[in-house]
């Protein structure tokens, strides 16, 4: 059985000469955000022959920020649960609700404030994975992630940055992590001039 954390190791075996950034992200399949995703990880300055180890925790975390710029602590998310932004005697706080999500495989973040919008944020390994902004009172963000990561090479994206559909379409390699404890992510391709090849990514040394 796979553990709580999948150990991944990106290895640059490309012929890249442009010092490309390698972006890894996930898609929230519970809602259609107009083909927008967040750059969960951006591997930079990773030269040919270099490797970059990182963790993929199977559990993600929920957090919220309010219209006053306050951010709640990150809380472990459990499928089927609802988390609410409410106002108590201390101010705006995110709490686990007694309600259950519409689907047992999804996580919901609701704005239960009387006034003021919130941003509903998802984190994995402490890094922003997904966000729904300007969630009005009475509205919610719904989240479901399959154990699939997307990866691609770019020169214009920073970690935590929102990516639109035009960028996402250029980074469409899917790597399925189902049942995996650890694996290498091998990057090949690249180069300059007429001999340049498209970047390719695959899993190796799977355990």
N, C-alpha and C. Protein backbone atom coordinates (compact mmCIF):
# COMPACT_ATOMS: atom_id res chain seq x y z
N UNK A 1 0.85 -1.20 0.00
CA UNK A 1 0.00 0.00 0.00
C UNK A 1 0.88 1.24 0.00
N UNK A 2 0.49 2.28 -0.74
CA UNK A 2 1.27 3.51 -0.73
C UNK A 2 1.20 4.19 0.62
N UNK A 3 2.27 4.91 0.96
CA UNK A 3 2.31 5.59 2.25
C UNK A 3 1.59 6.92 2.20
N UNK A 4 1.71 7.66 3.32
CA UNK A 4 1.08 8.96 3.42
C UNK A 4 1.81 10.01 2.59
N UNK A 5 3.09 9.74 2.28
CA UNK A 5 3.89 10.66 1.48
C UNK A 5 4.55 9.88 0.34
N UNK A 6 4.37 10.36 -0.88
CA UNK A 6 5.04 9.77 -2.04
C UNK A 6 6.32 10.54 -2.28
N UNK A 7 7.43 9.82 -2.31
CA UNK A 7 8.74 10.43 -2.53
C UNK A 7 9.01 10.50 -4.03
N UNK A 8 9.17 11.71 -4.55
CA UNK A 8 9.43 11.90 -5.97
C UNK A 8 10.79 12.58 -6.16
N UNK A 9 11.42 12.29 -7.29
CA UNK A 9 12.74 12.84 -7.57
C UNK A 9 12.81 13.23 -9.04
N UNK A 10 12.76 14.52 -9.31
CA UNK A 10 12.86 15.02 -10.68
C UNK A 10 14.33 14.96 -11.13
N UNK A 11 14.56 14.36 -12.31
CA UNK A 11 15.93 14.24 -12.84
C UNK A 11 15.97 14.86 -14.23
N UNK A 12 16.85 15.82 -14.41
CA UNK A 12 16.98 16.53 -15.68
C UNK A 12 17.96 15.79 -16.59
N UNK A 13 17.41 15.07 -17.58
CA UNK A 13 18.22 14.40 -18.59
C UNK A 13 17.96 15.03 -19.96
N UNK A 14 17.58 16.31 -19.96
CA UNK A 14 17.27 17.00 -21.20
C UNK A 14 18.55 17.55 -21.85
N UNK A 15 18.37 18.08 -23.05
CA UNK A 15 19.44 18.81 -23.74
C UNK A 15 19.13 20.31 -23.71
N UNK A 16 18.36 20.73 -22.71
CA UNK A 16 17.89 22.11 -22.64
C UNK A 16 19.05 23.10 -22.50
N UNK A 17 18.97 24.18 -23.24
CA UNK A 17 19.99 25.23 -23.16
C UNK A 17 19.38 26.57 -22.74
N UNK A 18 18.12 26.56 -22.31
CA UNK A 18 17.41 27.80 -21.97
C UNK A 18 17.12 27.94 -20.48
N UNK A 19 17.69 27.04 -19.66
CA UNK A 19 17.43 27.07 -18.22
C UNK A 19 15.93 27.14 -17.95
N UNK A 20 15.20 26.20 -18.52
CA UNK A 20 13.74 26.18 -18.39
C UNK A 20 13.32 25.91 -16.95
N UNK A 21 12.13 26.36 -16.62
CA UNK A 21 11.48 26.03 -15.35
C UNK A 21 10.53 24.86 -15.58
N UNK A 22 10.56 23.88 -14.69
CA UNK A 22 9.70 22.71 -14.82
C UNK A 22 8.58 22.83 -13.79
N UNK A 23 7.37 22.96 -14.29
CA UNK A 23 6.20 23.25 -13.44
C UNK A 23 5.38 21.99 -13.24
N UNK A 24 4.97 21.77 -12.00
CA UNK A 24 4.12 20.64 -11.64
C UNK A 24 2.85 21.19 -11.00
N UNK A 25 1.70 20.67 -11.43
CA UNK A 25 0.44 21.14 -10.88
C UNK A 25 -0.59 20.02 -10.92
N UNK A 26 -1.75 20.28 -10.31
CA UNK A 26 -2.88 19.35 -10.34
C UNK A 26 -4.13 20.09 -10.78
N UNK A 27 -5.12 19.33 -11.22
CA UNK A 27 -6.40 19.90 -11.61
C UNK A 27 -7.46 19.52 -10.59
N UNK A 28 -8.24 20.50 -10.16
CA UNK A 28 -9.40 20.25 -9.32
C UNK A 28 -10.53 19.76 -10.20
N UNK A 29 -10.88 18.48 -10.09
CA UNK A 29 -11.89 17.91 -10.98
C UNK A 29 -13.31 18.10 -10.46
N UNK A 30 -13.45 18.71 -9.28
CA UNK A 30 -14.79 18.92 -8.71
C UNK A 30 -15.47 20.15 -9.30
N UNK A 31 -14.69 21.12 -9.74
CA UNK A 31 -15.25 22.35 -10.29
C UNK A 31 -14.49 22.73 -11.55
N UNK A 32 -15.16 23.41 -12.44
CA UNK A 32 -14.52 23.92 -13.64
C UNK A 32 -14.20 25.40 -13.42
N UNK A 33 -12.93 25.69 -13.23
CA UNK A 33 -12.51 27.06 -13.00
C UNK A 33 -12.07 27.72 -14.31
N UNK A 34 -12.63 27.26 -15.43
CA UNK A 34 -12.26 27.85 -16.70
C UNK A 34 -10.85 27.50 -17.10
N UNK A 35 -10.46 26.24 -16.76
CA UNK A 35 -9.13 25.76 -17.12
C UNK A 35 -8.03 26.64 -16.52
N UNK A 36 -8.17 26.93 -15.25
CA UNK A 36 -7.15 27.68 -14.51
C UNK A 36 -6.57 26.76 -13.44
N UNK A 37 -5.27 26.79 -13.29
CA UNK A 37 -4.61 25.98 -12.27
C UNK A 37 -3.50 26.80 -11.63
N UNK A 38 -2.99 26.29 -10.49
CA UNK A 38 -1.92 26.94 -9.76
C UNK A 38 -0.62 26.13 -9.95
N UNK A 39 0.47 26.83 -10.17
CA UNK A 39 1.77 26.16 -10.25
C UNK A 39 2.17 25.70 -8.85
N UNK A 40 1.91 24.42 -8.56
CA UNK A 40 2.18 23.89 -7.21
C UNK A 40 3.68 23.87 -6.94
N UNK A 41 4.44 23.41 -7.88
CA UNK A 41 5.90 23.43 -7.76
C UNK A 41 6.52 23.96 -9.04
N UNK A 42 7.53 24.78 -8.90
CA UNK A 42 8.29 25.29 -10.04
C UNK A 42 9.76 25.00 -9.77
N UNK A 43 10.31 24.05 -10.49
CA UNK A 43 11.69 23.63 -10.30
C UNK A 43 12.57 24.50 -11.19
N UNK A 44 13.42 25.31 -10.59
CA UNK A 44 14.22 26.29 -11.33
C UNK A 44 15.71 26.01 -11.18
N UNK A 45 16.47 26.45 -12.18
CA UNK A 45 17.93 26.34 -12.18
C UNK A 45 18.42 24.92 -11.96
N UNK A 46 17.63 23.95 -12.42
CA UNK A 46 18.00 22.54 -12.30
C UNK A 46 18.72 22.14 -13.59
N UNK A 47 20.04 22.17 -13.56
CA UNK A 47 20.84 21.93 -14.76
C UNK A 47 20.83 20.49 -15.21
N UNK A 48 21.36 20.27 -16.39
CA UNK A 48 21.43 18.92 -16.95
C UNK A 48 22.24 18.01 -16.03
N UNK A 49 21.67 16.88 -15.70
CA UNK A 49 22.29 15.94 -14.78
C UNK A 49 21.92 16.17 -13.33
N UNK A 50 21.32 17.32 -13.02
CA UNK A 50 20.88 17.61 -11.65
C UNK A 50 19.59 16.86 -11.34
N UNK A 51 19.32 16.72 -10.05
CA UNK A 51 18.03 16.15 -9.64
C UNK A 51 17.44 16.98 -8.52
N UNK A 52 16.13 16.89 -8.36
CA UNK A 52 15.40 17.73 -7.40
C UNK A 52 14.37 16.85 -6.68
N UNK A 53 14.69 16.36 -5.48
CA UNK A 53 13.74 15.54 -4.72
C UNK A 53 12.66 16.38 -4.06
N UNK A 54 11.46 15.86 -4.00
CA UNK A 54 10.38 16.54 -3.28
C UNK A 54 9.32 15.54 -2.86
N UNK A 55 8.45 15.96 -1.95
CA UNK A 55 7.40 15.10 -1.40
C UNK A 55 6.04 15.44 -1.98
N UNK A 56 5.23 14.40 -2.12
CA UNK A 56 3.82 14.56 -2.49
C UNK A 56 2.99 13.90 -1.38
N UNK A 57 2.60 14.67 -0.35
CA UNK A 57 1.72 14.09 0.68
C UNK A 57 0.36 13.74 0.07
N UNK A 58 -0.15 12.57 0.43
CA UNK A 58 -1.44 12.17 -0.13
C UNK A 58 -2.59 12.99 0.45
N UNK A 59 -2.39 13.57 1.64
CA UNK A 59 -3.42 14.43 2.23
C UNK A 59 -3.11 15.89 1.93
N UNK A 60 -4.14 16.64 1.57
CA UNK A 60 -3.94 18.08 1.39
C UNK A 60 -4.53 18.84 2.56
N UNK A 61 -4.26 20.13 2.60
CA UNK A 61 -4.67 20.99 3.70
C UNK A 61 -5.59 22.08 3.18
N UNK A 62 -6.47 22.57 4.04
CA UNK A 62 -7.37 23.66 3.68
C UNK A 62 -7.03 24.90 4.52
N UNK A 63 -7.25 26.05 3.91
CA UNK A 63 -7.06 27.32 4.59
C UNK A 63 -7.95 28.36 3.92
N UNK A 64 -8.12 29.48 4.56
CA UNK A 64 -8.94 30.55 3.97
C UNK A 64 -8.37 31.89 4.37
N UNK A 65 -8.63 32.88 3.56
CA UNK A 65 -8.28 34.26 3.90
C UNK A 65 -9.51 35.13 3.70
N UNK A 66 -9.63 36.18 4.53
CA UNK A 66 -10.82 37.01 4.46
C UNK A 66 -10.53 38.34 3.77
N UNK A 67 -11.53 39.18 3.70
CA UNK A 67 -11.42 40.45 2.99
C UNK A 67 -10.53 41.45 3.73
N UNK A 68 -10.16 41.11 4.97
CA UNK A 68 -9.28 41.99 5.75
C UNK A 68 -7.81 41.59 5.60
N UNK A 69 -7.55 40.55 4.80
CA UNK A 69 -6.19 40.10 4.60
C UNK A 69 -5.69 39.12 5.64
N UNK A 70 -6.61 38.58 6.46
CA UNK A 70 -6.23 37.59 7.47
C UNK A 70 -6.22 36.19 6.85
N UNK A 71 -5.28 35.36 7.27
CA UNK A 71 -5.16 33.99 6.78
C UNK A 71 -5.32 33.02 7.93
N UNK A 72 -6.12 32.00 7.76
CA UNK A 72 -6.32 31.00 8.81
C UNK A 72 -5.19 29.97 8.76
N UNK A 73 -4.95 29.27 9.88
CA UNK A 73 -3.99 28.17 9.85
C UNK A 73 -4.47 27.07 8.89
N UNK A 74 -3.52 26.31 8.38
CA UNK A 74 -3.86 25.19 7.50
C UNK A 74 -4.37 24.03 8.34
N UNK A 75 -5.46 23.40 7.86
CA UNK A 75 -6.07 22.27 8.55
C UNK A 75 -6.06 21.05 7.64
N UNK A 76 -5.78 19.85 8.17
CA UNK A 76 -5.85 18.65 7.35
C UNK A 76 -7.26 18.44 6.82
N UNK A 77 -7.38 18.14 5.53
CA UNK A 77 -8.69 17.97 4.91
C UNK A 77 -9.03 16.49 4.80
N UNK A 78 -10.27 16.15 5.10
CA UNK A 78 -10.77 14.79 5.00
C UNK A 78 -11.92 14.76 4.00
N UNK A 79 -11.86 13.83 3.07
CA UNK A 79 -12.92 13.74 2.06
C UNK A 79 -14.29 13.59 2.72
N UNK A 80 -15.26 14.30 2.17
CA UNK A 80 -16.62 14.27 2.70
C UNK A 80 -16.89 15.32 3.74
N UNK A 81 -15.84 16.06 4.15
CA UNK A 81 -16.00 17.06 5.20
C UNK A 81 -16.24 18.45 4.62
N UNK A 82 -16.83 19.31 5.46
CA UNK A 82 -17.08 20.71 5.12
C UNK A 82 -16.35 21.58 6.13
N UNK A 83 -15.70 22.61 5.63
CA UNK A 83 -15.00 23.57 6.48
C UNK A 83 -15.63 24.94 6.24
N UNK A 84 -15.91 25.66 7.32
CA UNK A 84 -16.65 26.92 7.23
C UNK A 84 -15.83 28.09 7.77
N UNK A 85 -15.89 29.19 7.07
CA UNK A 85 -15.35 30.45 7.61
C UNK A 85 -16.49 31.11 8.38
N UNK A 86 -16.28 31.29 9.68
CA UNK A 86 -17.31 31.87 10.54
C UNK A 86 -16.68 32.98 11.37
N UNK A 87 -17.51 33.79 11.97
CA UNK A 87 -17.02 34.84 12.86
C UNK A 87 -17.36 34.46 14.30
N UNK A 88 -16.31 34.34 15.12
CA UNK A 88 -16.55 34.10 16.54
C UNK A 88 -16.12 35.33 17.34
N UNK A 89 -15.98 35.19 18.66
CA UNK A 89 -15.66 36.36 19.49
C UNK A 89 -14.27 36.92 19.20
N UNK A 90 -13.40 36.11 18.56
CA UNK A 90 -12.05 36.58 18.28
C UNK A 90 -11.91 37.17 16.88
N UNK A 91 -12.88 36.89 15.99
CA UNK A 91 -12.79 37.34 14.61
C UNK A 91 -13.18 36.23 13.65
N UNK A 92 -12.64 36.28 12.43
CA UNK A 92 -12.96 35.27 11.41
C UNK A 92 -12.07 34.05 11.58
N UNK A 93 -12.68 32.86 11.66
CA UNK A 93 -11.93 31.62 11.84
C UNK A 93 -12.50 30.55 10.92
N UNK A 94 -11.65 29.60 10.53
CA UNK A 94 -12.07 28.45 9.72
C UNK A 94 -12.25 27.27 10.65
N UNK A 95 -13.44 26.66 10.63
CA UNK A 95 -13.75 25.55 11.53
C UNK A 95 -14.30 24.38 10.72
N UNK A 96 -14.14 23.20 11.29
CA UNK A 96 -14.74 22.01 10.69
C UNK A 96 -16.23 22.02 11.00
N UNK A 97 -17.06 21.85 9.97
CA UNK A 97 -18.50 21.96 10.11
C UNK A 97 -19.13 20.62 10.50
N UNK A 98 -20.31 20.69 11.07
CA UNK A 98 -21.08 19.47 11.35
C UNK A 98 -21.78 18.97 10.10
N UNK A 99 -21.80 19.79 9.04
CA UNK A 99 -22.39 19.36 7.77
C UNK A 99 -21.45 18.39 7.06
N UNK A 100 -21.99 17.66 6.10
CA UNK A 100 -21.18 16.80 5.26
C UNK A 100 -21.22 17.32 3.83
N UNK A 101 -20.17 17.06 3.09
CA UNK A 101 -20.09 17.52 1.70
C UNK A 101 -21.12 16.81 0.83
N UNK A 102 -21.44 17.44 -0.28
CA UNK A 102 -22.43 16.87 -1.19
C UNK A 102 -21.99 15.52 -1.73
N UNK A 103 -20.66 15.34 -1.85
CA UNK A 103 -20.10 14.06 -2.29
C UNK A 103 -19.10 13.58 -1.26
N UNK A 104 -19.09 12.27 -0.92
CA UNK A 104 -18.15 11.77 0.08
C UNK A 104 -16.69 11.79 -0.38
N UNK A 105 -16.47 12.05 -1.65
CA UNK A 105 -15.10 12.10 -2.18
C UNK A 105 -14.58 13.52 -2.33
N UNK A 106 -15.40 14.51 -1.94
CA UNK A 106 -15.04 15.91 -2.12
C UNK A 106 -14.86 16.61 -0.78
N UNK A 107 -14.16 17.73 -0.83
CA UNK A 107 -13.99 18.62 0.33
C UNK A 107 -14.58 19.98 -0.04
N UNK A 108 -15.32 20.57 0.90
CA UNK A 108 -15.93 21.88 0.65
C UNK A 108 -15.42 22.91 1.65
N UNK A 109 -15.20 24.12 1.15
CA UNK A 109 -14.90 25.27 2.02
C UNK A 109 -16.01 26.29 1.78
N UNK A 110 -16.79 26.56 2.83
CA UNK A 110 -17.94 27.45 2.71
C UNK A 110 -17.67 28.80 3.36
N UNK A 111 -18.24 29.83 2.79
CA UNK A 111 -18.23 31.15 3.41
C UNK A 111 -19.52 31.32 4.18
N UNK A 112 -19.44 31.16 5.50
CA UNK A 112 -20.62 31.30 6.36
C UNK A 112 -20.61 32.62 7.11
N UNK A 113 -19.83 33.59 6.63
CA UNK A 113 -19.85 34.93 7.20
C UNK A 113 -21.10 35.66 6.76
N UNK A 114 -21.53 36.64 7.55
CA UNK A 114 -22.68 37.47 7.17
C UNK A 114 -22.32 38.43 6.05
N UNK A 115 -21.06 38.85 6.01
CA UNK A 115 -20.63 39.77 4.97
C UNK A 115 -19.13 39.59 4.74
N UNK A 116 -18.70 39.93 3.53
CA UNK A 116 -17.29 39.83 3.19
C UNK A 116 -16.95 38.54 2.47
N UNK A 117 -16.21 38.65 1.37
CA UNK A 117 -15.81 37.47 0.61
C UNK A 117 -14.56 36.84 1.21
N UNK A 118 -14.30 35.61 0.81
CA UNK A 118 -13.09 34.91 1.26
C UNK A 118 -12.42 34.26 0.06
N UNK A 119 -11.17 33.89 0.25
CA UNK A 119 -10.46 33.03 -0.69
C UNK A 119 -10.32 31.66 -0.04
N UNK A 120 -10.73 30.63 -0.76
CA UNK A 120 -10.65 29.25 -0.26
C UNK A 120 -9.43 28.58 -0.89
N UNK A 121 -8.45 28.23 -0.05
CA UNK A 121 -7.16 27.76 -0.55
C UNK A 121 -6.89 26.32 -0.16
N UNK A 122 -6.22 25.60 -1.06
CA UNK A 122 -5.79 24.23 -0.82
C UNK A 122 -4.26 24.18 -0.90
N UNK A 123 -3.65 23.48 0.05
CA UNK A 123 -2.20 23.35 0.09
C UNK A 123 -1.81 21.87 0.11
N UNK A 124 -0.71 21.56 -0.55
CA UNK A 124 -0.10 20.24 -0.44
C UNK A 124 1.39 20.43 -0.17
N UNK A 125 1.90 19.80 0.87
CA UNK A 125 3.28 19.96 1.29
C UNK A 125 3.61 21.43 1.57
N UNK A 126 2.63 22.15 2.10
CA UNK A 126 2.83 23.54 2.48
C UNK A 126 2.83 24.53 1.34
N UNK A 127 2.56 24.06 0.13
CA UNK A 127 2.59 24.93 -1.05
C UNK A 127 1.20 25.01 -1.66
N UNK A 128 0.84 26.21 -2.15
CA UNK A 128 -0.50 26.43 -2.70
C UNK A 128 -0.74 25.52 -3.90
N UNK A 129 -1.82 24.76 -3.85
CA UNK A 129 -2.18 23.81 -4.89
C UNK A 129 -3.36 24.28 -5.72
N UNK A 130 -4.34 24.91 -5.06
CA UNK A 130 -5.54 25.38 -5.75
C UNK A 130 -6.17 26.48 -4.92
N UNK A 131 -6.94 27.33 -5.58
CA UNK A 131 -7.60 28.44 -4.87
C UNK A 131 -8.86 28.85 -5.62
N UNK A 132 -9.87 29.19 -4.83
CA UNK A 132 -11.06 29.83 -5.39
C UNK A 132 -11.18 31.18 -4.70
N UNK A 133 -11.14 32.25 -5.48
CA UNK A 133 -11.11 33.59 -4.90
C UNK A 133 -12.50 34.22 -4.91
N UNK A 134 -12.66 35.20 -4.05
CA UNK A 134 -13.89 35.99 -3.97
C UNK A 134 -15.13 35.12 -3.79
N UNK A 135 -15.06 34.22 -2.82
CA UNK A 135 -16.21 33.39 -2.49
C UNK A 135 -17.14 34.20 -1.59
N UNK A 136 -18.30 34.54 -2.08
CA UNK A 136 -19.24 35.40 -1.36
C UNK A 136 -19.94 34.63 -0.24
N UNK A 137 -20.53 35.33 0.74
CA UNK A 137 -21.29 34.66 1.79
C UNK A 137 -22.36 33.73 1.19
N UNK A 138 -22.42 32.52 1.72
CA UNK A 138 -23.37 31.53 1.22
C UNK A 138 -22.81 30.68 0.09
N UNK A 139 -21.66 31.05 -0.46
CA UNK A 139 -21.06 30.26 -1.54
C UNK A 139 -19.96 29.36 -0.99
N UNK A 140 -19.41 28.51 -1.86
CA UNK A 140 -18.41 27.55 -1.40
C UNK A 140 -17.45 27.20 -2.53
N UNK A 141 -16.30 26.69 -2.15
CA UNK A 141 -15.37 26.06 -3.07
C UNK A 141 -15.43 24.55 -2.85
N UNK A 142 -15.40 23.79 -3.93
CA UNK A 142 -15.48 22.32 -3.85
C UNK A 142 -14.21 21.75 -4.48
N UNK A 143 -13.62 20.73 -3.83
CA UNK A 143 -12.32 20.25 -4.26
C UNK A 143 -12.26 18.73 -4.30
N UNK A 144 -11.69 18.23 -5.38
CA UNK A 144 -11.41 16.80 -5.55
C UNK A 144 -10.20 16.68 -6.47
N UNK A 145 -9.20 15.95 -6.00
CA UNK A 145 -7.98 15.76 -6.79
C UNK A 145 -7.71 14.27 -6.97
N UNK A 146 -7.56 13.83 -8.20
CA UNK A 146 -7.11 12.48 -8.45
C UNK A 146 -5.59 12.44 -8.24
N UNK A 147 -5.01 11.26 -7.97
CA UNK A 147 -3.56 11.17 -7.75
C UNK A 147 -2.78 11.27 -9.07
N UNK A 148 -3.00 12.36 -9.77
CA UNK A 148 -2.36 12.61 -11.06
C UNK A 148 -1.72 14.00 -11.00
N UNK A 149 -0.46 14.08 -11.41
CA UNK A 149 0.20 15.37 -11.53
C UNK A 149 0.45 15.67 -13.00
N UNK A 150 0.46 16.95 -13.32
CA UNK A 150 0.77 17.43 -14.66
C UNK A 150 2.12 18.13 -14.60
N UNK A 151 2.90 17.98 -15.66
CA UNK A 151 4.23 18.58 -15.66
C UNK A 151 4.57 19.10 -17.05
N UNK A 152 5.34 20.17 -17.09
CA UNK A 152 5.78 20.73 -18.36
C UNK A 152 6.90 21.72 -18.13
N UNK A 153 7.50 22.16 -19.22
CA UNK A 153 8.62 23.12 -19.18
C UNK A 153 8.13 24.47 -19.67
N UNK A 154 8.58 25.53 -18.99
CA UNK A 154 8.17 26.87 -19.35
C UNK A 154 9.28 27.85 -18.95
N UNK A 155 9.09 29.10 -19.28
CA UNK A 155 10.08 30.10 -18.89
C UNK A 155 9.45 31.29 -18.20
N UNK A 156 8.15 31.20 -17.90
CA UNK A 156 7.44 32.40 -17.46
C UNK A 156 6.55 32.19 -16.24
N UNK A 157 6.65 31.06 -15.56
CA UNK A 157 5.76 30.78 -14.44
C UNK A 157 6.56 30.66 -13.15
N UNK A 158 6.03 31.27 -12.09
CA UNK A 158 6.63 31.14 -10.77
C UNK A 158 5.74 30.29 -9.88
N UNK A 159 6.35 29.68 -8.87
CA UNK A 159 5.60 28.83 -7.95
C UNK A 159 4.49 29.62 -7.27
N UNK A 160 3.30 29.03 -7.18
CA UNK A 160 2.16 29.68 -6.56
C UNK A 160 1.38 30.58 -7.49
N UNK A 161 1.85 30.71 -8.73
CA UNK A 161 1.22 31.61 -9.69
C UNK A 161 0.06 30.91 -10.41
N UNK A 162 -0.96 31.69 -10.73
CA UNK A 162 -2.10 31.18 -11.48
C UNK A 162 -1.74 31.03 -12.95
N UNK A 163 -2.14 29.91 -13.54
CA UNK A 163 -1.87 29.65 -14.95
C UNK A 163 -3.18 29.57 -15.72
N UNK A 164 -3.22 30.21 -16.89
CA UNK A 164 -4.44 30.17 -17.69
C UNK A 164 -4.40 28.99 -18.66
N UNK A 165 -5.49 28.83 -19.40
CA UNK A 165 -5.64 27.65 -20.27
C UNK A 165 -4.56 27.59 -21.34
N UNK A 166 -4.10 28.74 -21.84
CA UNK A 166 -3.10 28.74 -22.90
C UNK A 166 -1.79 28.12 -22.41
N UNK A 167 -1.42 28.42 -21.17
CA UNK A 167 -0.19 27.85 -20.60
C UNK A 167 -0.40 26.39 -20.25
N UNK A 168 -1.55 26.07 -19.67
CA UNK A 168 -1.83 24.69 -19.26
C UNK A 168 -1.77 23.74 -20.45
N UNK A 169 -2.25 24.18 -21.61
CA UNK A 169 -2.27 23.31 -22.78
C UNK A 169 -0.88 22.94 -23.26
N UNK A 170 0.13 23.74 -22.90
CA UNK A 170 1.50 23.42 -23.29
C UNK A 170 2.17 22.49 -22.28
N UNK A 171 1.50 22.22 -21.17
CA UNK A 171 2.06 21.36 -20.12
C UNK A 171 1.07 20.25 -19.80
N UNK A 172 0.88 19.36 -20.75
CA UNK A 172 -0.22 18.40 -20.66
C UNK A 172 0.24 16.98 -20.38
N UNK A 173 1.50 16.78 -19.97
CA UNK A 173 1.95 15.43 -19.61
C UNK A 173 1.36 15.05 -18.26
N UNK A 174 0.67 13.91 -18.22
CA UNK A 174 0.07 13.42 -16.97
C UNK A 174 0.89 12.26 -16.43
N UNK A 175 1.15 12.30 -15.13
CA UNK A 175 1.84 11.21 -14.46
C UNK A 175 0.95 10.69 -13.34
N UNK A 176 0.56 9.42 -13.43
CA UNK A 176 -0.37 8.82 -12.48
C UNK A 176 0.41 8.24 -11.30
N UNK A 177 0.11 8.71 -10.10
CA UNK A 177 0.83 8.29 -8.90
C UNK A 177 0.09 7.20 -8.12
N UNK A 178 -0.95 6.65 -8.68
CA UNK A 178 -1.76 5.64 -7.99
C UNK A 178 -0.89 4.45 -7.58
N UNK A 179 -0.93 4.10 -6.31
CA UNK A 179 -0.23 2.92 -5.82
C UNK A 179 1.27 3.07 -5.69
N UNK A 180 1.79 4.27 -5.85
CA UNK A 180 3.24 4.49 -5.86
C UNK A 180 3.71 4.97 -4.49
N UNK A 181 4.85 4.44 -4.03
CA UNK A 181 5.51 4.94 -2.82
C UNK A 181 6.60 5.93 -3.16
N UNK A 182 7.33 5.68 -4.25
CA UNK A 182 8.39 6.57 -4.68
C UNK A 182 8.65 6.35 -6.16
N UNK A 183 9.21 7.37 -6.82
CA UNK A 183 9.51 7.27 -8.25
C UNK A 183 10.40 8.43 -8.66
N UNK A 184 11.16 8.20 -9.74
CA UNK A 184 11.89 9.27 -10.40
C UNK A 184 11.03 9.84 -11.52
N UNK A 185 11.09 11.15 -11.70
CA UNK A 185 10.46 11.80 -12.86
C UNK A 185 11.60 12.18 -13.80
N UNK A 186 11.68 11.48 -14.93
CA UNK A 186 12.77 11.69 -15.88
C UNK A 186 12.32 12.68 -16.95
N UNK A 187 13.09 13.75 -17.12
CA UNK A 187 12.82 14.75 -18.16
C UNK A 187 13.84 14.57 -19.28
N UNK A 188 13.34 14.50 -20.53
CA UNK A 188 14.20 14.39 -21.70
C UNK A 188 13.74 15.39 -22.75
N UNK A 189 14.49 15.48 -23.85
CA UNK A 189 14.14 16.41 -24.93
C UNK A 189 14.88 17.72 -24.79
N UNK A 190 14.34 18.76 -25.43
CA UNK A 190 14.98 20.06 -25.39
C UNK A 190 16.08 20.17 -26.43
N UNK A 191 16.94 21.13 -26.23
CA UNK A 191 18.02 21.38 -27.18
C UNK A 191 17.80 22.67 -27.94
N UNK A 192 18.73 23.00 -28.83
CA UNK A 192 18.63 24.24 -29.59
C UNK A 192 18.66 23.99 -31.09
N UNK A 193 18.19 24.97 -31.83
CA UNK A 193 18.22 24.92 -33.29
C UNK A 193 17.31 23.86 -33.87
N UNK A 194 17.70 23.36 -35.05
CA UNK A 194 16.86 22.39 -35.75
C UNK A 194 16.85 21.03 -35.06
N UNK A 195 17.81 20.79 -34.19
CA UNK A 195 17.86 19.52 -33.49
C UNK A 195 17.05 19.48 -32.21
N UNK A 196 16.38 20.58 -31.88
CA UNK A 196 15.59 20.63 -30.65
C UNK A 196 14.43 19.64 -30.69
N UNK A 197 14.17 19.00 -29.56
CA UNK A 197 13.07 18.05 -29.44
C UNK A 197 12.10 18.52 -28.36
N UNK A 198 10.89 18.06 -28.48
CA UNK A 198 9.89 18.40 -27.46
C UNK A 198 10.29 17.75 -26.13
N UNK A 199 9.97 18.45 -25.04
CA UNK A 199 10.22 17.89 -23.72
C UNK A 199 9.29 16.71 -23.48
N UNK A 200 9.84 15.67 -22.86
CA UNK A 200 9.04 14.51 -22.48
C UNK A 200 9.35 14.15 -21.04
N UNK A 201 8.35 13.60 -20.34
CA UNK A 201 8.49 13.26 -18.93
C UNK A 201 7.88 11.88 -18.69
N UNK A 202 8.57 11.06 -17.93
CA UNK A 202 8.04 9.75 -17.59
C UNK A 202 8.54 9.32 -16.22
N UNK A 203 7.82 8.38 -15.61
CA UNK A 203 8.20 7.84 -14.31
C UNK A 203 9.14 6.66 -14.47
N UNK A 204 10.12 6.56 -13.59
CA UNK A 204 11.08 5.46 -13.61
C UNK A 204 11.40 5.07 -12.17
N UNK A 205 12.01 3.91 -11.99
CA UNK A 205 12.37 3.42 -10.65
C UNK A 205 11.18 3.48 -9.69
N UNK A 206 10.04 3.02 -10.18
CA UNK A 206 8.81 3.08 -9.40
C UNK A 206 8.84 2.01 -8.31
N UNK A 207 8.48 2.43 -7.12
CA UNK A 207 8.41 1.48 -5.99
C UNK A 207 7.07 1.63 -5.28
